PDB file of N, CA and C in Angstrom:
ATOM      1  N   UNK A   1      26.072  18.828 -61.281  1.00  0.00           N
ATOM      2  CA  UNK A   1      27.197  17.915 -61.412  1.00  0.00           C
ATOM      3  C   UNK A   1      28.048  18.312 -62.616  1.00  0.00           C
ATOM      4  N   UNK A   2      28.536  17.332 -63.319  1.00  0.00           N
ATOM      5  CA  UNK A   2      29.435  17.579 -64.443  1.00  0.00           C
ATOM      6  C   UNK A   2      28.690  17.377 -65.755  1.00  0.00           C
ATOM      7  N   UNK A   3      28.910  18.287 -66.680  1.00  0.00           N
ATOM      8  CA  UNK A   3      28.444  18.093 -68.051  1.00  0.00           C
ATOM      9  C   UNK A   3      29.706  17.838 -68.865  1.00  0.00           C
ATOM     10  N   UNK A   4      29.860  16.610 -69.329  1.00  0.00           N
ATOM     11  CA  UNK A   4      31.075  16.229 -70.027  1.00  0.00           C
ATOM     12  C   UNK A   4      31.090  16.795 -71.442  1.00  0.00           C
ATOM     13  N   UNK A   5      32.289  17.184 -71.876  1.00  0.00           N
ATOM     14  CA  UNK A   5      32.457  17.610 -73.261  1.00  0.00           C
ATOM     15  C   UNK A   5      33.385  16.632 -73.958  1.00  0.00           C
ATOM     16  N   UNK A   6      33.565  16.802 -75.227  1.00  0.00           N
ATOM     17  CA  UNK A   6      34.381  15.866 -76.002  1.00  0.00           C
ATOM     18  C   UNK A   6      35.803  16.387 -76.209  1.00  0.00           C
ATOM     19  N   UNK A   7      36.135  17.522 -75.602  1.00  0.00           N
ATOM     20  CA  UNK A   7      37.444  18.133 -75.824  1.00  0.00           C
ATOM     21  C   UNK A   7      38.568  17.500 -75.015  1.00  0.00           C
ATOM     22  N   UNK A   8      38.250  16.941 -73.857  1.00  0.00           N
ATOM     23  CA  UNK A   8      39.299  16.340 -73.030  1.00  0.00           C
ATOM     24  C   UNK A   8      38.789  15.031 -72.447  1.00  0.00           C
ATOM     25  N   UNK A   9      39.700  14.165 -72.030  1.00  0.00           N
ATOM     26  CA  UNK A   9      39.281  12.876 -71.476  1.00  0.00           C
ATOM     27  C   UNK A   9      38.357  13.057 -70.263  1.00  0.00           C
ATOM     28  N   UNK A  10      37.415  12.141 -70.133  1.00  0.00           N
ATOM     29  CA  UNK A  10      36.426  12.223 -69.057  1.00  0.00           C
ATOM     30  C   UNK A  10      37.097  12.212 -67.692  1.00  0.00           C
ATOM     31  N   UNK A  11      38.131  11.370 -67.515  1.00  0.00           N
ATOM     32  CA  UNK A  11      38.760  11.312 -66.197  1.00  0.00           C
ATOM     33  C   UNK A  11      39.383  12.664 -65.825  1.00  0.00           C
ATOM     34  N   UNK A  12      39.913  13.401 -66.815  1.00  0.00           N
ATOM     35  CA  UNK A  12      40.476  14.727 -66.545  1.00  0.00           C
ATOM     36  C   UNK A  12      39.381  15.713 -66.148  1.00  0.00           C
ATOM     37  N   UNK A  13      38.206  15.566 -66.744  1.00  0.00           N
ATOM     38  CA  UNK A  13      37.087  16.437 -66.389  1.00  0.00           C
ATOM     39  C   UNK A  13      36.601  16.145 -64.970  1.00  0.00           C
ATOM     40  N   UNK A  14      36.639  14.885 -64.579  1.00  0.00           N
ATOM     41  CA  UNK A  14      36.261  14.513 -63.209  1.00  0.00           C
ATOM     42  C   UNK A  14      37.263  15.112 -62.227  1.00  0.00           C
ATOM     43  N   UNK A  15      38.540  15.006 -62.544  1.00  0.00           N
ATOM     44  CA  UNK A  15      39.576  15.584 -61.690  1.00  0.00           C
ATOM     45  C   UNK A  15      39.362  17.083 -61.546  1.00  0.00           C
ATOM     46  N   UNK A  16      39.146  17.762 -62.665  1.00  0.00           N
ATOM     47  CA  UNK A  16      38.946  19.218 -62.627  1.00  0.00           C
ATOM     48  C   UNK A  16      37.722  19.580 -61.784  1.00  0.00           C
ATOM     49  N   UNK A  17      36.667  18.795 -61.904  1.00  0.00           N
ATOM     50  CA  UNK A  17      35.453  19.041 -61.128  1.00  0.00           C
ATOM     51  C   UNK A  17      35.733  18.955 -59.630  1.00  0.00           C
ATOM     52  N   UNK A  18      36.377  17.865 -59.215  1.00  0.00           N
ATOM     53  CA  UNK A  18      36.631  17.698 -57.786  1.00  0.00           C
ATOM     54  C   UNK A  18      37.677  18.683 -57.269  1.00  0.00           C
ATOM     55  N   UNK A  19      38.642  19.043 -58.092  1.00  0.00           N
ATOM     56  CA  UNK A  19      39.601  20.065 -57.673  1.00  0.00           C
ATOM     57  C   UNK A  19      38.874  21.381 -57.386  1.00  0.00           C
ATOM     58  N   UNK A  20      37.951  21.758 -58.256  1.00  0.00           N
ATOM     59  CA  UNK A  20      37.189  22.994 -58.046  1.00  0.00           C
ATOM     60  C   UNK A  20      36.311  22.893 -56.804  1.00  0.00           C
ATOM     61  N   UNK A  21      35.702  21.737 -56.602  1.00  0.00           N
ATOM     62  CA  UNK A  21      34.853  21.545 -55.423  1.00  0.00           C
ATOM     63  C   UNK A  21      35.669  21.650 -54.133  1.00  0.00           C
ATOM     64  N   UNK A  22      36.866  21.092 -54.145  1.00  0.00           N
ATOM     65  CA  UNK A  22      37.720  21.117 -52.959  1.00  0.00           C
ATOM     66  C   UNK A  22      38.287  22.516 -52.735  1.00  0.00           C
ATOM     67  N   UNK A  23      38.796  23.144 -53.792  1.00  0.00           N
ATOM     68  CA  UNK A  23      39.407  24.465 -53.663  1.00  0.00           C
ATOM     69  C   UNK A  23      38.404  25.520 -53.206  1.00  0.00           C
ATOM     70  N   UNK A  24      37.150  25.372 -53.624  1.00  0.00           N
ATOM     71  CA  UNK A  24      36.112  26.352 -53.276  1.00  0.00           C
ATOM     72  C   UNK A  24      35.444  26.044 -51.936  1.00  0.00           C
ATOM     73  N   UNK A  25      35.849  24.946 -51.321  1.00  0.00           N
ATOM     74  CA  UNK A  25      35.287  24.490 -50.043  1.00  0.00           C
ATOM     75  C   UNK A  25      33.828  24.046 -50.152  1.00  0.00           C
ATOM     76  N   UNK A  26      33.361  23.778 -51.368  1.00  0.00           N
ATOM     77  CA  UNK A  26      32.043  23.153 -51.495  1.00  0.00           C
ATOM     78  C   UNK A  26      32.129  21.720 -50.986  1.00  0.00           C
ATOM     79  N   UNK A  27      33.343  21.156 -51.076  1.00  0.00           N
ATOM     80  CA  UNK A  27      33.650  19.890 -50.410  1.00  0.00           C
ATOM     81  C   UNK A  27      34.665  20.231 -49.338  1.00  0.00           C
ATOM     82  N   UNK A  28      34.316  19.972 -48.106  1.00  0.00           N
ATOM     83  CA  UNK A  28      35.157  20.354 -46.969  1.00  0.00           C
ATOM     84  C   UNK A  28      36.239  19.320 -46.692  1.00  0.00           C
ATOM     85  N   UNK A  29      37.281  19.756 -46.020  1.00  0.00           N
ATOM     86  CA  UNK A  29      38.349  18.856 -45.597  1.00  0.00           C
ATOM     87  C   UNK A  29      37.749  17.726 -44.765  1.00  0.00           C
ATOM     88  N   UNK A  30      38.113  16.494 -45.095  1.00  0.00           N
ATOM     89  CA  UNK A  30      37.623  15.325 -44.375  1.00  0.00           C
ATOM     90  C   UNK A  30      36.285  14.795 -44.850  1.00  0.00           C
ATOM     91  N   UNK A  31      35.615  15.501 -45.746  1.00  0.00           N
ATOM     92  CA  UNK A  31      34.302  15.065 -46.233  1.00  0.00           C
ATOM     93  C   UNK A  31      34.443  13.800 -47.070  1.00  0.00           C
ATOM     94  N   UNK A  32      33.474  12.891 -46.932  1.00  0.00           N
ATOM     95  CA  UNK A  32      33.472  11.671 -47.739  1.00  0.00           C
ATOM     96  C   UNK A  32      33.239  12.000 -49.204  1.00  0.00           C
ATOM     97  N   UNK A  33      33.983  11.310 -50.043  1.00  0.00           N
ATOM     98  CA  UNK A  33      33.783  11.393 -51.488  1.00  0.00           C
ATOM     99  C   UNK A  33      32.647  10.435 -51.841  1.00  0.00           C
ATOM    100  N   UNK A  34      31.980  10.668 -52.961  1.00  0.00           N
ATOM    101  CA  UNK A  34      30.994   9.666 -53.387  1.00  0.00           C
ATOM    102  C   UNK A  34      31.717   8.357 -53.712  1.00  0.00           C
ATOM    103  N   UNK A  35      31.016   7.257 -53.586  1.00  0.00           N
ATOM    104  CA  UNK A  35      31.659   5.992 -53.942  1.00  0.00           C
ATOM    105  C   UNK A  35      31.916   5.991 -55.445  1.00  0.00           C
ATOM    106  N   UNK A  36      32.957   5.308 -55.825  1.00  0.00           N
ATOM    107  CA  UNK A  36      33.321   5.258 -57.247  1.00  0.00           C
ATOM    108  C   UNK A  36      32.187   4.658 -58.076  1.00  0.00           C
ATOM    109  N   UNK A  37      31.610   3.587 -57.572  1.00  0.00           N
ATOM    110  CA  UNK A  37      30.552   2.893 -58.308  1.00  0.00           C
ATOM    111  C   UNK A  37      29.296   3.763 -58.436  1.00  0.00           C
ATOM    112  N   UNK A  38      28.885   4.386 -57.333  1.00  0.00           N
ATOM    113  CA  UNK A  38      27.702   5.257 -57.373  1.00  0.00           C
ATOM    114  C   UNK A  38      27.924   6.443 -58.301  1.00  0.00           C
ATOM    115  N   UNK A  39      29.120   7.034 -58.212  1.00  0.00           N
ATOM    116  CA  UNK A  39      29.418   8.173 -59.063  1.00  0.00           C
ATOM    117  C   UNK A  39      29.375   7.774 -60.535  1.00  0.00           C
ATOM    118  N   UNK A  40      29.950   6.617 -60.845  1.00  0.00           N
ATOM    119  CA  UNK A  40      29.942   6.126 -62.225  1.00  0.00           C
ATOM    120  C   UNK A  40      28.515   5.908 -62.715  1.00  0.00           C
ATOM    121  N   UNK A  41      27.664   5.323 -61.857  1.00  0.00           N
ATOM    122  CA  UNK A  41      26.276   5.087 -62.247  1.00  0.00           C
ATOM    123  C   UNK A  41      25.540   6.405 -62.444  1.00  0.00           C
ATOM    124  N   UNK A  42      25.723   7.323 -61.520  1.00  0.00           N
ATOM    125  CA  UNK A  42      25.045   8.625 -61.607  1.00  0.00           C
ATOM    126  C   UNK A  42      25.441   9.359 -62.884  1.00  0.00           C
ATOM    127  N   UNK A  43      26.737   9.321 -63.199  1.00  0.00           N
ATOM    128  CA  UNK A  43      27.241  10.053 -64.359  1.00  0.00           C
ATOM    129  C   UNK A  43      27.161   9.244 -65.652  1.00  0.00           C
ATOM    130  N   UNK A  44      26.744   7.996 -65.533  1.00  0.00           N
ATOM    131  CA  UNK A  44      26.626   7.085 -66.671  1.00  0.00           C
ATOM    132  C   UNK A  44      27.950   6.960 -67.432  1.00  0.00           C
ATOM    133  N   UNK A  45      28.998   6.645 -66.655  1.00  0.00           N
ATOM    134  CA  UNK A  45      30.322   6.438 -67.223  1.00  0.00           C
ATOM    135  C   UNK A  45      30.908   5.149 -66.668  1.00  0.00           C
ATOM    136  N   UNK A  46      31.994   4.719 -67.264  1.00  0.00           N
ATOM    137  CA  UNK A  46      32.655   3.487 -66.860  1.00  0.00           C
ATOM    138  C   UNK A  46      33.282   3.654 -65.469  1.00  0.00           C
ATOM    139  N   UNK A  47      33.063   2.701 -64.556  1.00  0.00           N
ATOM    140  CA  UNK A  47      33.678   2.788 -63.223  1.00  0.00           C
ATOM    141  C   UNK A  47      35.206   2.879 -63.259  1.00  0.00           C
ATOM    142  N   UNK A  48      35.830   2.305 -64.279  1.00  0.00           N
ATOM    143  CA  UNK A  48      37.286   2.392 -64.395  1.00  0.00           C
ATOM    144  C   UNK A  48      37.743   3.826 -64.637  1.00  0.00           C
ATOM    145  N   UNK A  49      36.915   4.603 -65.312  1.00  0.00           N
ATOM    146  CA  UNK A  49      37.220   6.010 -65.545  1.00  0.00           C
ATOM    147  C   UNK A  49      37.218   6.768 -64.225  1.00  0.00           C
ATOM    148  N   UNK A  50      36.227   6.493 -63.388  1.00  0.00           N
ATOM    149  CA  UNK A  50      36.151   7.128 -62.074  1.00  0.00           C
ATOM    150  C   UNK A  50      37.325   6.673 -61.222  1.00  0.00           C
ATOM    151  N   UNK A  51      37.641   5.389 -61.282  1.00  0.00           N
ATOM    152  CA  UNK A  51      38.780   4.856 -60.525  1.00  0.00           C
ATOM    153  C   UNK A  51      40.058   5.583 -60.916  1.00  0.00           C
ATOM    154  N   UNK A  52      40.261   5.792 -62.197  1.00  0.00           N
ATOM    155  CA  UNK A  52      41.471   6.484 -62.657  1.00  0.00           C
ATOM    156  C   UNK A  52      41.513   7.912 -62.115  1.00  0.00           C
ATOM    157  N   UNK A  53      40.384   8.611 -62.177  1.00  0.00           N
ATOM    158  CA  UNK A  53      40.327   9.989 -61.679  1.00  0.00           C
ATOM    159  C   UNK A  53      40.618  10.035 -60.185  1.00  0.00           C
ATOM    160  N   UNK A  54      39.996   9.142 -59.422  1.00  0.00           N
ATOM    161  CA  UNK A  54      40.212   9.116 -57.971  1.00  0.00           C
ATOM    162  C   UNK A  54      41.667   8.775 -57.653  1.00  0.00           C
ATOM    163  N   UNK A  55      42.241   7.858 -58.421  1.00  0.00           N
ATOM    164  CA  UNK A  55      43.647   7.522 -58.203  1.00  0.00           C
ATOM    165  C   UNK A  55      44.525   8.761 -58.402  1.00  0.00           C
ATOM    166  N   UNK A  56      44.266   9.500 -59.455  1.00  0.00           N
ATOM    167  CA  UNK A  56      45.033  10.722 -59.724  1.00  0.00           C
ATOM    168  C   UNK A  56      44.855  11.737 -58.591  1.00  0.00           C
ATOM    169  N   UNK A  57      43.639  11.868 -58.090  1.00  0.00           N
ATOM    170  CA  UNK A  57      43.380  12.783 -56.976  1.00  0.00           C
ATOM    171  C   UNK A  57      44.151  12.350 -55.729  1.00  0.00           C
ATOM    172  N   UNK A  58      44.272  11.044 -55.530  1.00  0.00           N
ATOM    173  CA  UNK A  58      45.070  10.529 -54.408  1.00  0.00           C
ATOM    174  C   UNK A  58      46.539  10.880 -54.598  1.00  0.00           C
ATOM    175  N   UNK A  59      47.055  10.667 -55.797  1.00  0.00           N
ATOM    176  CA  UNK A  59      48.453  10.970 -56.094  1.00  0.00           C
ATOM    177  C   UNK A  59      48.729  12.462 -55.861  1.00  0.00           C
ATOM    178  N   UNK A  60      47.760  13.300 -56.179  1.00  0.00           N
ATOM    179  CA  UNK A  60      47.892  14.749 -55.980  1.00  0.00           C
ATOM    180  C   UNK A  60      47.786  15.143 -54.505  1.00  0.00           C
ATOM    181  N   UNK A  61      47.394  14.195 -53.674  1.00  0.00           N
ATOM    182  CA  UNK A  61      47.265  14.479 -52.251  1.00  0.00           C
ATOM    183  C   UNK A  61      45.972  15.193 -51.894  1.00  0.00           C
ATOM    184  N   UNK A  62      44.973  15.107 -52.780  1.00  0.00           N
ATOM    185  CA  UNK A  62      43.716  15.813 -52.541  1.00  0.00           C
ATOM    186  C   UNK A  62      42.661  14.947 -51.876  1.00  0.00           C
ATOM    187  N   UNK A  63      42.792  13.630 -52.029  1.00  0.00           N
ATOM    188  CA  UNK A  63      41.892  12.721 -51.324  1.00  0.00           C
ATOM    189  C   UNK A  63      42.725  11.600 -50.715  1.00  0.00           C
ATOM    190  N   UNK A  64      42.156  10.969 -49.713  1.00  0.00           N
ATOM    191  CA  UNK A  64      42.811   9.828 -49.074  1.00  0.00           C
ATOM    192  C   UNK A  64      41.842   8.655 -49.098  1.00  0.00           C
ATOM    193  N   UNK A  65      42.400   7.473 -49.202  1.00  0.00           N
ATOM    194  CA  UNK A  65      41.589   6.268 -49.213  1.00  0.00           C
ATOM    195  C   UNK A  65      42.251   5.231 -48.326  1.00  0.00           C
ATOM    196  N   UNK A  66      41.470   4.671 -47.410  1.00  0.00           N
ATOM    197  CA  UNK A  66      41.974   3.596 -46.559  1.00  0.00           C
ATOM    198  C   UNK A  66      41.381   2.277 -46.996  1.00  0.00           C
ATOM    199  N   UNK A  67      41.781   1.227 -46.324  1.00  0.00           N
ATOM    200  CA  UNK A  67      41.241  -0.093 -46.641  1.00  0.00           C
ATOM    201  C   UNK A  67      39.781  -0.182 -46.206  1.00  0.00           C
ATOM    202  N   UNK A  68      38.936  -0.543 -47.140  1.00  0.00           N
ATOM    203  CA  UNK A  68      37.507  -0.765 -46.888  1.00  0.00           C
ATOM    204  C   UNK A  68      36.788   0.441 -46.280  1.00  0.00           C
ATOM    205  N   UNK A  69      37.259   1.640 -46.577  1.00  0.00           N
ATOM    206  CA  UNK A  69      36.564   2.846 -46.133  1.00  0.00           C
ATOM    207  C   UNK A  69      36.415   3.789 -47.324  1.00  0.00           C
ATOM    208  N   UNK A  70      35.442   4.657 -47.236  1.00  0.00           N
ATOM    209  CA  UNK A  70      35.200   5.620 -48.308  1.00  0.00           C
ATOM    210  C   UNK A  70      36.382   6.573 -48.431  1.00  0.00           C
ATOM    211  N   UNK A  71      36.637   7.018 -49.637  1.00  0.00           N
ATOM    212  CA  UNK A  71      37.652   8.053 -49.837  1.00  0.00           C
ATOM    213  C   UNK A  71      37.143   9.349 -49.219  1.00  0.00           C
ATOM    214  N   UNK A  72      38.078  10.166 -48.772  1.00  0.00           N
ATOM    215  CA  UNK A  72      37.736  11.443 -48.149  1.00  0.00           C
ATOM    216  C   UNK A  72      38.631  12.539 -48.712  1.00  0.00           C
ATOM    217  N   UNK A  73      38.095  13.756 -48.699  1.00  0.00           N
ATOM    218  CA  UNK A  73      38.898  14.918 -49.049  1.00  0.00           C
ATOM    219  C   UNK A  73      40.003  15.023 -48.001  1.00  0.00           C
ATOM    220  N   UNK A  74      41.190  15.371 -48.437  1.00  0.00           N
ATOM    221  CA  UNK A  74      42.298  15.505 -47.508  1.00  0.00           C
ATOM    222  C   UNK A  74      41.959  16.472 -46.376  1.00  0.00           C
ATOM    223  N   UNK A  75      42.526  16.224 -45.232  1.00  0.00           N
ATOM    224  CA  UNK A  75      42.368  17.145 -44.113  1.00  0.00           C
ATOM    225  C   UNK A  75      43.560  18.089 -44.029  1.00  0.00           C
ATOM    226  N   UNK A  76      44.467  17.987 -44.983  1.00  0.00           N
ATOM    227  CA  UNK A  76      45.649  18.838 -45.055  1.00  0.00           C
ATOM    228  C   UNK A  76      45.243  20.200 -45.628  1.00  0.00           C
ATOM    229  N   UNK A  77      44.974  21.139 -44.738  1.00  0.00           N
ATOM    230  CA  UNK A  77      44.500  22.466 -45.137  1.00  0.00           C
ATOM    231  C   UNK A  77      45.547  23.178 -45.996  1.00  0.00           C
ATOM    232  N   UNK A  78      46.818  22.958 -45.698  1.00  0.00           N
ATOM    233  CA  UNK A  78      47.883  23.576 -46.505  1.00  0.00           C
ATOM    234  C   UNK A  78      47.836  23.062 -47.942  1.00  0.00           C
ATOM    235  N   UNK A  79      47.548  21.776 -48.124  1.00  0.00           N
ATOM    236  CA  UNK A  79      47.469  21.213 -49.477  1.00  0.00           C
ATOM    237  C   UNK A  79      46.294  21.826 -50.228  1.00  0.00           C
ATOM    238  N   UNK A  80      45.178  22.053 -49.526  1.00  0.00           N
ATOM    239  CA  UNK A  80      44.007  22.667 -50.173  1.00  0.00           C
ATOM    240  C   UNK A  80      44.324  24.107 -50.569  1.00  0.00           C
ATOM    241  N   UNK A  81      45.015  24.836 -49.707  1.00  0.00           N
ATOM    242  CA  UNK A  81      45.410  26.210 -50.041  1.00  0.00           C
ATOM    243  C   UNK A  81      46.386  26.221 -51.213  1.00  0.00           C
ATOM    244  N   UNK A  82      47.284  25.240 -51.239  1.00  0.00           N
ATOM    245  CA  UNK A  82      48.219  25.117 -52.354  1.00  0.00           C
ATOM    246  C   UNK A  82      47.459  24.864 -53.655  1.00  0.00           C
ATOM    247  N   UNK A  83      46.427  24.033 -53.589  1.00  0.00           N
ATOM    248  CA  UNK A  83      45.589  23.769 -54.765  1.00  0.00           C
ATOM    249  C   UNK A  83      44.958  25.059 -55.263  1.00  0.00           C
ATOM    250  N   UNK A  84      44.422  25.864 -54.348  1.00  0.00           N
ATOM    251  CA  UNK A  84      43.816  27.143 -54.742  1.00  0.00           C
ATOM    252  C   UNK A  84      44.830  28.030 -55.460  1.00  0.00           C
ATOM    253  N   UNK A  85      46.045  28.091 -54.917  1.00  0.00           N
ATOM    254  CA  UNK A  85      47.106  28.895 -55.536  1.00  0.00           C
ATOM    255  C   UNK A  85      47.451  28.369 -56.928  1.00  0.00           C
ATOM    256  N   UNK A  86      47.552  27.055 -57.057  1.00  0.00           N
ATOM    257  CA  UNK A  86      47.865  26.440 -58.355  1.00  0.00           C
ATOM    258  C   UNK A  86      46.778  26.766 -59.373  1.00  0.00           C
ATOM    259  N   UNK A  87      45.529  26.648 -58.950  1.00  0.00           N
ATOM    260  CA  UNK A  87      44.418  26.905 -59.866  1.00  0.00           C
ATOM    261  C   UNK A  87      44.365  28.382 -60.251  1.00  0.00           C
ATOM    262  N   UNK A  88      44.638  29.265 -59.303  1.00  0.00           N
ATOM    263  CA  UNK A  88      44.659  30.699 -59.590  1.00  0.00           C
ATOM    264  C   UNK A  88      45.779  31.023 -60.572  1.00  0.00           C
ATOM    265  N   UNK A  89      46.959  30.477 -60.324  1.00  0.00           N
ATOM    266  CA  UNK A  89      48.099  30.716 -61.212  1.00  0.00           C
ATOM    267  C   UNK A  89      47.802  30.222 -62.632  1.00  0.00           C
ATOM    268  N   UNK A  90      47.190  29.060 -62.721  1.00  0.00           N
ATOM    269  CA  UNK A  90      46.830  28.492 -64.026  1.00  0.00           C
ATOM    270  C   UNK A  90      45.820  29.384 -64.749  1.00  0.00           C
ATOM    271  N   UNK A  91      44.824  29.880 -64.021  1.00  0.00           N
ATOM    272  CA  UNK A  91      43.808  30.739 -64.620  1.00  0.00           C
ATOM    273  C   UNK A  91      44.409  32.074 -65.071  1.00  0.00           C
ATOM    274  N   UNK A  92      45.286  32.641 -64.263  1.00  0.00           N
ATOM    275  CA  UNK A  92      45.911  33.913 -64.624  1.00  0.00           C
ATOM    276  C   UNK A  92      46.795  33.748 -65.845  1.00  0.00           C
ATOM    277  N   UNK A  93      47.568  32.678 -65.881  1.00  0.00           N
ATOM    278  CA  UNK A  93      48.438  32.431 -67.037  1.00  0.00           C
ATOM    279  C   UNK A  93      47.614  32.284 -68.308  1.00  0.00           C
ATOM    280  N   UNK A  94      46.525  31.545 -68.217  1.00  0.00           N
ATOM    281  CA  UNK A  94      45.643  31.362 -69.370  1.00  0.00           C
ATOM    282  C   UNK A  94      45.045  32.696 -69.815  1.00  0.00           C
ATOM    283  N   UNK A  95      44.604  33.493 -68.840  1.00  0.00           N
ATOM    284  CA  UNK A  95      44.022  34.809 -69.121  1.00  0.00           C
ATOM    285  C   UNK A  95      45.050  35.717 -69.804  1.00  0.00           C
ATOM    286  N   UNK A  96      46.249  35.777 -69.251  1.00  0.00           N
ATOM    287  CA  UNK A  96      47.297  36.636 -69.808  1.00  0.00           C
ATOM    288  C   UNK A  96      47.635  36.204 -71.228  1.00  0.00           C
ATOM    289  N   UNK A  97      47.746  34.908 -71.444  1.00  0.00           N
ATOM    290  CA  UNK A  97      48.015  34.406 -72.796  1.00  0.00           C
ATOM    291  C   UNK A  97      46.897  34.780 -73.762  1.00  0.00           C
ATOM    292  N   UNK A  98      45.650  34.712 -73.291  1.00  0.00           N
ATOM    293  CA  UNK A  98      44.507  35.007 -74.161  1.00  0.00           C
ATOM    294  C   UNK A  98      44.417  36.484 -74.532  1.00  0.00           C
ATOM    295  N   UNK A  99      44.802  37.370 -73.623  1.00  0.00           N
ATOM    296  CA  UNK A  99      44.662  38.803 -73.911  1.00  0.00           C
ATOM    297  C   UNK A  99      45.936  39.428 -74.481  1.00  0.00           C
ATOM    298  N   UNK A 100      47.032  38.688 -74.505  1.00  0.00           N
ATOM    299  CA  UNK A 100      48.301  39.226 -75.005  1.00  0.00           C
ATOM    300  C   UNK A 100      48.176  39.868 -76.386  1.00  0.00           C
ATOM    301  N   UNK A 101      47.461  39.261 -77.339  1.00  0.00           N
ATOM    302  CA  UNK A 101      47.350  39.878 -78.667  1.00  0.00           C
ATOM    303  C   UNK A 101      46.646  41.246 -78.658  1.00  0.00           C
ATOM    304  N   UNK A 102      45.894  41.541 -77.604  1.00  0.00           N
ATOM    305  CA  UNK A 102      45.167  42.809 -77.543  1.00  0.00           C
ATOM    306  C   UNK A 102      46.077  43.989 -77.212  1.00  0.00           C
ATOM    307  N   UNK A 103      47.270  43.708 -76.715  1.00  0.00           N
ATOM    308  CA  UNK A 103      48.269  44.721 -76.386  1.00  0.00           C
ATOM    309  C   UNK A 103      47.702  45.826 -75.492  1.00  0.00           C
ATOM    310  N   UNK A 104      47.028  45.407 -74.437  1.00  0.00           N
ATOM    311  CA  UNK A 104      46.473  46.359 -73.483  1.00  0.00           C
ATOM    312  C   UNK A 104      47.517  46.706 -72.436  1.00  0.00           C
ATOM    313  N   UNK A 105      47.399  47.905 -71.881  1.00  0.00           N
ATOM    314  CA  UNK A 105      48.296  48.284 -70.790  1.00  0.00           C
ATOM    315  C   UNK A 105      47.829  47.578 -69.516  1.00  0.00           C
ATOM    316  N   UNK A 106      48.730  47.520 -68.556  1.00  0.00           N
ATOM    317  CA  UNK A 106      48.384  46.911 -67.274  1.00  0.00           C
ATOM    318  C   UNK A 106      47.202  47.647 -66.645  1.00  0.00           C
ATOM    319  N   UNK A 107      47.204  48.968 -66.752  1.00  0.00           N
ATOM    320  CA  UNK A 107      46.107  49.766 -66.187  1.00  0.00           C
ATOM    321  C   UNK A 107      44.776  49.423 -66.851  1.00  0.00           C
ATOM    322  N   UNK A 108      44.774  49.289 -68.172  1.00  0.00           N
ATOM    323  CA  UNK A 108      43.541  48.935 -68.879  1.00  0.00           C
ATOM    324  C   UNK A 108      43.013  47.572 -68.417  1.00  0.00           C
ATOM    325  N   UNK A 109      43.912  46.638 -68.282  1.00  0.00           N
ATOM    326  CA  UNK A 109      43.517  45.294 -67.854  1.00  0.00           C
ATOM    327  C   UNK A 109      42.943  45.352 -66.445  1.00  0.00           C
ATOM    328  N   UNK A 110      43.628  46.024 -65.549  1.00  0.00           N
ATOM    329  CA  UNK A 110      43.164  46.124 -64.159  1.00  0.00           C
ATOM    330  C   UNK A 110      41.832  46.846 -64.077  1.00  0.00           C
ATOM    331  N   UNK A 111      41.660  47.908 -64.870  1.00  0.00           N
ATOM    332  CA  UNK A 111      40.382  48.624 -64.879  1.00  0.00           C
ATOM    333  C   UNK A 111      39.244  47.708 -65.313  1.00  0.00           C
ATOM    334  N   UNK A 112      39.465  46.940 -66.358  1.00  0.00           N
ATOM    335  CA  UNK A 112      38.442  46.010 -66.848  1.00  0.00           C
ATOM    336  C   UNK A 112      38.146  44.933 -65.818  1.00  0.00           C
ATOM    337  N   UNK A 113      39.202  44.415 -65.211  1.00  0.00           N
ATOM    338  CA  UNK A 113      39.004  43.390 -64.177  1.00  0.00           C
ATOM    339  C   UNK A 113      38.225  43.959 -63.000  1.00  0.00           C
ATOM    340  N   UNK A 114      38.564  45.154 -62.597  1.00  0.00           N
ATOM    341  CA  UNK A 114      37.873  45.779 -61.456  1.00  0.00           C
ATOM    342  C   UNK A 114      36.386  45.932 -61.719  1.00  0.00           C
ATOM    343  N   UNK A 115      36.031  46.245 -62.951  1.00  0.00           N
ATOM    344  CA  UNK A 115      34.612  46.385 -63.305  1.00  0.00           C
ATOM    345  C   UNK A 115      33.877  45.037 -63.216  1.00  0.00           C
ATOM    346  N   UNK A 116      34.573  43.954 -63.494  1.00  0.00           N
ATOM    347  CA  UNK A 116      33.947  42.634 -63.510  1.00  0.00           C
ATOM    348  C   UNK A 116      33.891  41.985 -62.129  1.00  0.00           C
ATOM    349  N   UNK A 117      34.784  42.411 -61.236  1.00  0.00           N
ATOM    350  CA  UNK A 117      34.834  41.777 -59.918  1.00  0.00           C
ATOM    351  C   UNK A 117      33.924  42.427 -58.934  1.00  0.00           C
TER     352      UNK A 117
END
């Protein structure tokens, strides 16, 4: 599950966790989300924190919630693919920013990446 750190708000860490689960297909389109209350109990956090995270996931179009039914991962495959692209772009930007001071050539960077992949 999630190991919370003190660097960012817990609800943001929950969002990041579920985004990764959805983008990697560990949670499939249409799959039921855990109940907010059960998740809060399991993670030993305030249910309002989970509610906030789930609300944000709904706003992002990653989960859907109906009246008196469990929330589910969106069935919008295009939205899930868009999420993957967003996460990849974010990771690449972070990586490029982190290695910029090293002043490596594009070839050097690609060679190093190729060795790791």
